[in-house]
Amino acid sequence: MHPHLIQLTDDVPVAAVDFARDLIAGLHEQPRQVSPKYFYDSAGSALFERICELPEYYPTRTEMGLLQSRAHEMAECIGARADIVEFGAGASRKIRLLLNHLQAPQRFLPVDISGEHLHEAAGGLRRDYPGLRVEPIAADFTQGLNLPPALGRRIGFFPGSSIGNFEPEAARNLLRRMAGWLEGGGLLIGVDLVKHPDELHAAYNDAQGVTAAFNKNLLARANRELGADFELSAFDHYAFYQPQLQRIEMHLLSRARQTVRFCGQRFEFGQGQSLHTENSYKYTLESFEALARSAGFEPAAVWTDEEQRFAVHWLVLP
């Protein structure tokens, strides 16, 4: 079923219309799937912040370590008086490590789909960096982005390995759009690297069950915003590494036969039937550089930890 054929009831809030249409369309597909961008309401964003602090979840810890130890080198690449755009800014913790080394940045434009989370973080940045213009933009940059005129060399910041959530062709298209938004500047981007599956499995199946709660929050969000009747205890979090595609897959598996209703529709789930909620692709240094070149960027520098678990790439536009 195509999204434009779906008729929504009047009780769906305007802010939830896209979520409703995409979730309904995804539940009509085979296999069933939904975009991971819908993880990030206020509750989901808070859960993700908890994930980032888990001992099993190496990406945030490793990237933060790289930013702490090499931010001065990254700042030299970026240059003075930069106009910085952070894609998927969230709590804007990582940008602070760069701001402490950047020379007279012109402005910071954090972009995030979760407006409440975004504005709270922006307020903290204004307090801690009183000379910096902070202009948050609540938007889904995967669907397009209108930026104000640049005040200097425009630099993109896309940490956290979020590029891995996109299928390779979609990742290439997103990078191409970023190249247009950055107007000849550069992009600092975090990328998770290929590694032993045991380490990947542990990172997405933490002992405390925070990632499971994060995954199930998508169903809880549908209940809150769309009046759905998902029974969270009737679904299991399931995450595994797919070596042929070099990606982690996250799913929600139905524990029994059940019916879910919302927006005037009903969906039958068989026992073990999956709702595919996320992919997280892993790259080698070489494969990501090839992807960046195909999108119009030129790789100029890269920083990795000693175990080569994670990389921060500096890409420029010729």
Foldseek 3Di string as FASTA:
>chain_A
DALVPDDFDPQFDPLCSVVVSQQVVQLPDVQREGELLLLDEPVLLVLVVVLLPAPLACQNVFVLVCLQVCLLVVLVQQAAQEEEEEEQCQLVPSVVSNVVRHHHHAEYEYEHQHVVRQVVSQVVCCVVPVVHHYDYDNDDPLVPDDDDDTPDQYEYEYEDQVLQQDDLVSSLVSLLRVVVVRPFHKYKYKAFAQDDFVSVVCSCCPPVCSNFVSVLVSVVVCCVRFVKDDDSVQWGWDWGADVVQQKIWIWIFGQAWDWMDTSHDIHTHHHGRIYTYTIGHHHDPVVVQVSNVSSQWHWDDKDADPVRRMIITMTGHD
